[in-house]
Amino acid sequence: GINAEYMGYVKWNENNVKCEHDELDLQAEETVQTLQSDFDTKLRALTLKLESKSKELENRNLDYTQKINQMEIDKSQLANKYQDQNNELLRIIETHELEMEEIQQQLDQSQNTVITLKEEKSHMNLEMDTLHHQFESLKDQLERSKKELNEKKSQCNQLQEKLIQEKSNYESSKLQGD
């Protein structure tokens, strides 16, 4: 009976161990599934997070690229604007220089004209002096001629008187002679 009892105990023990073993297997499997499920959930969350981050970075990169392109365009436009302004300033400076040259030429011409006019005035003054001298000289000659004329007149008158006298003397002598 002891042997059978012992065998029953062993049998019971084996069953018990088998049950525990099965239970442990089940628990292990559940744990593995739970871990697998947790891992999958976490992996999905991480993947979503990574995709979201990746999309965000892509958008940011696109934004930066657009900003850089816009800056390049702005820079180019500014450069062109400054170049245009610079060209305009150069044109204005050239125009002013040309105008200054023209004004300088006109000034030189005016100065030359003034010099010429001064020379002409000087010549005219000399001519006026000469004419004045000639006039004075002619006036003197005229005075002398007047004097001479008066003298001649006076001589003429004296001669006329003499003639009249002689004529009268002749006629009276003629009368006396008759």
Protein backbone atom coordinates (compact mmCIF):
# COMPACT_ATOMS: atom_id res chain seq x y z
CA GLY A 1 0.00 0.00 0.00
CA ILE A 2 2.88 2.35 0.77
CA ASN A 3 4.26 1.88 -2.67
CA ALA A 4 0.91 2.62 -4.29
CA GLU A 5 0.54 5.61 -2.02
CA TYR A 6 3.99 6.77 -2.96
CA MET A 7 3.24 6.27 -6.64
CA GLY A 8 -0.01 8.28 -6.19
CA TYR A 9 1.98 11.03 -4.51
CA VAL A 10 4.53 11.04 -7.33
CA LYS A 11 1.71 11.04 -9.86
CA TRP A 12 0.00 13.93 -8.05
CA ASN A 13 3.33 15.75 -7.81
CA GLU A 14 3.97 15.24 -11.51
CA ASN A 15 0.52 16.59 -12.34
CA ASN A 16 1.06 19.48 -10.01
CA VAL A 17 4.44 20.27 -11.58
CA LYS A 18 2.93 19.86 -15.07
CA CYS A 19 0.12 22.26 -14.12
CA GLU A 20 2.61 24.74 -12.70
CA HIS A 21 4.73 24.31 -15.84
CA ASP A 22 1.76 24.90 -18.09
CA GLU A 23 0.76 27.89 -16.00
CA LEU A 24 4.28 29.29 -16.19
CA ASP A 25 4.30 28.73 -19.95
CA LEU A 26 0.97 30.54 -20.17
CA GLN A 27 2.24 33.38 -17.96
CA ALA A 28 5.46 33.61 -19.98
CA GLU A 29 3.47 33.68 -23.20
CA GLU A 30 1.14 36.37 -21.81
CA THR A 31 4.14 38.36 -20.61
CA VAL A 32 5.80 38.02 -24.01
CA GLN A 33 2.56 39.09 -25.72
CA THR A 34 2.15 42.00 -23.33
CA LEU A 35 5.78 43.03 -23.87
CA GLN A 36 5.38 42.56 -27.63
CA SER A 37 2.18 44.63 -27.56
CA ASP A 38 3.83 47.36 -25.43
CA PHE A 39 6.83 47.32 -27.73
CA ASP A 40 4.61 47.56 -30.82
CA THR A 41 2.60 50.41 -29.27
CA LYS A 42 5.77 52.26 -28.29
CA LEU A 43 7.33 51.55 -31.70
CA ARG A 44 4.20 52.85 -33.46
CA ALA A 45 4.19 55.96 -31.27
CA LEU A 46 7.91 56.50 -31.94
CA THR A 47 7.44 55.93 -35.66
CA LEU A 48 4.57 58.44 -35.73
CA LYS A 49 6.66 60.88 -33.69
CA LEU A 50 9.61 60.42 -36.08
CA GLU A 51 7.40 60.85 -39.14
CA SER A 52 5.86 63.98 -37.63
CA LYS A 53 9.31 65.34 -36.73
CA SER A 54 10.61 64.43 -40.19
CA LYS A 55 7.64 66.23 -41.83
CA GLU A 56 8.21 69.24 -39.56
CA LEU A 57 11.89 69.33 -40.48
CA GLU A 58 11.02 68.95 -44.16
CA ASN A 59 8.58 71.88 -43.90
CA ARG A 60 11.12 73.96 -42.00
CA ASN A 61 13.76 73.11 -44.60
CA LEU A 62 11.35 74.14 -47.37
CA ASP A 63 10.57 77.36 -45.49
CA TYR A 64 14.28 78.14 -45.09
CA THR A 65 14.91 77.35 -48.76
CA GLN A 66 12.10 79.72 -49.77
CA LYS A 67 13.45 82.40 -47.42
CA ILE A 68 16.98 81.97 -48.82
CA ASN A 69 15.64 82.15 -52.40
CA GLN A 70 13.63 85.28 -51.51
CA MET A 71 16.75 86.80 -49.91
CA GLU A 72 18.74 86.03 -53.07
CA ILE A 73 16.02 87.71 -55.17
CA ASP A 74 15.92 90.71 -52.78
CA LYS A 75 19.71 90.91 -52.83
CA SER A 76 19.75 90.80 -56.62
CA GLN A 77 16.99 93.46 -56.84
CA LEU A 78 18.81 95.68 -54.34
CA ALA A 79 22.06 95.25 -56.26
CA ASN A 80 20.26 96.21 -59.49
CA LYS A 81 18.58 99.16 -57.77
CA TYR A 82 21.90 100.42 -56.40
CA GLN A 83 23.54 99.84 -59.79
CA ASP A 84 20.76 101.87 -61.47
CA GLN A 85 21.10 104.64 -58.86
CA ASN A 86 24.86 104.58 -59.30
CA ASN A 87 24.51 104.81 -63.10
CA GLU A 88 22.01 107.67 -62.70
CA LEU A 89 24.43 109.51 -60.38
CA LEU A 90 27.27 108.98 -62.87
CA ARG A 91 25.05 110.38 -65.66
CA ILE A 92 24.17 113.41 -63.51
CA ILE A 93 27.85 113.97 -62.68
CA GLU A 94 28.82 113.68 -66.37
CA THR A 95 26.04 116.12 -67.32
CA HIS A 96 27.19 118.57 -64.63
CA GLU A 97 30.80 118.26 -65.80
CA LEU A 98 29.72 118.96 -69.40
CA GLU A 99 27.64 121.93 -68.25
CA MET A 100 30.60 123.19 -66.21
CA GLU A 101 32.86 122.86 -69.26
CA GLU A 102 30.33 124.78 -71.39
CA ILE A 103 30.04 127.48 -68.72
CA GLN A 104 33.85 127.68 -68.52
CA GLN A 105 34.04 128.03 -72.32
CA GLN A 106 31.38 130.75 -72.25
CA LEU A 107 33.28 132.47 -69.45
CA ASP A 108 36.52 132.27 -71.44
CA GLN A 109 34.71 133.67 -74.51
CA SER A 110 33.24 136.45 -72.40
CA GLN A 111 36.67 137.31 -71.02
CA ASN A 112 38.11 137.29 -74.54
CA THR A 113 35.26 139.52 -75.68
CA VAL A 114 35.94 141.89 -72.78
CA ILE A 115 39.64 141.97 -73.67
CA THR A 116 38.77 142.61 -77.34
CA LEU A 117 36.32 145.37 -76.36
CA LYS A 118 38.96 146.96 -74.11
CA GLU A 119 41.45 146.90 -76.99
CA GLU A 120 38.85 148.39 -79.34
CA LYS A 121 38.04 151.06 -76.76
CA SER A 122 41.74 151.85 -76.44
CA HIS A 123 42.00 152.13 -80.26
CA MET A 124 38.93 154.32 -80.35
CA ASN A 125 40.40 156.54 -77.64
CA LEU A 126 43.58 156.89 -79.67
CA GLU A 127 41.53 157.71 -82.77
CA MET A 128 39.50 160.21 -80.74
CA ASP A 129 42.71 161.84 -79.52
CA THR A 130 44.03 161.97 -83.08
CA LEU A 131 40.74 163.44 -84.34
CA HIS A 132 40.77 165.93 -81.48
CA HIS A 133 44.30 167.02 -82.42
CA GLN A 134 43.28 167.26 -86.07
CA PHE A 135 40.24 169.27 -85.06
CA GLU A 136 42.35 171.63 -82.94
CA SER A 137 44.84 171.97 -85.76
CA LEU A 138 42.02 172.69 -88.26
CA LYS A 139 40.57 175.24 -85.82
CA ASP A 140 43.96 176.97 -85.64
CA GLN A 141 44.23 176.92 -89.42
CA LEU A 142 40.74 178.32 -89.68
CA GLU A 143 41.64 181.10 -87.23
CA ARG A 144 44.77 181.89 -89.25
CA SER A 145 42.80 181.76 -92.49
CA LYS A 146 40.24 184.12 -90.99
CA LYS A 147 42.99 186.51 -89.94
CA GLU A 148 44.58 186.30 -93.37
CA LEU A 149 41.22 186.83 -94.98
CA ASN A 150 40.57 189.83 -92.81
CA GLU A 151 43.99 191.20 -93.66
CA LYS A 152 43.33 190.67 -97.36
CA LYS A 153 39.94 192.31 -96.99
CA SER A 154 41.50 195.22 -95.24
CA GLN A 155 44.19 195.47 -97.99
CA CYS A 156 41.45 195.17 -100.57
CA ASN A 157 39.50 197.94 -98.92
CA GLN A 158 42.59 200.13 -98.76
CA LEU A 159 43.27 199.43 -102.41
CA GLN A 160 39.67 200.18 -103.26
CA GLU A 161 39.85 203.43 -101.34
CA LYS A 162 43.11 204.26 -103.08
CA LEU A 163 41.53 203.49 -106.41
CA ILE A 164 38.53 205.60 -105.62
CA GLN A 165 40.85 208.37 -104.50
CA GLU A 166 42.94 208.10 -107.61
CA LYS A 167 39.87 207.96 -109.79
CA SER A 168 38.49 211.00 -108.12
CA ASN A 169 41.88 212.76 -108.42
CA TYR A 170 42.05 211.83 -112.08
CA GLU A 171 38.58 213.08 -112.80
CA SER A 172 39.15 216.32 -110.96
CA SER A 173 42.42 216.85 -112.79
CA LYS A 174 40.72 216.09 -116.02
CA LEU A 175 38.06 218.62 -115.21
CA GLN A 176 40.64 221.15 -114.26
CA GLY A 177 42.55 220.38 -117.45
CA ASP A 178 39.47 221.26 -119.53
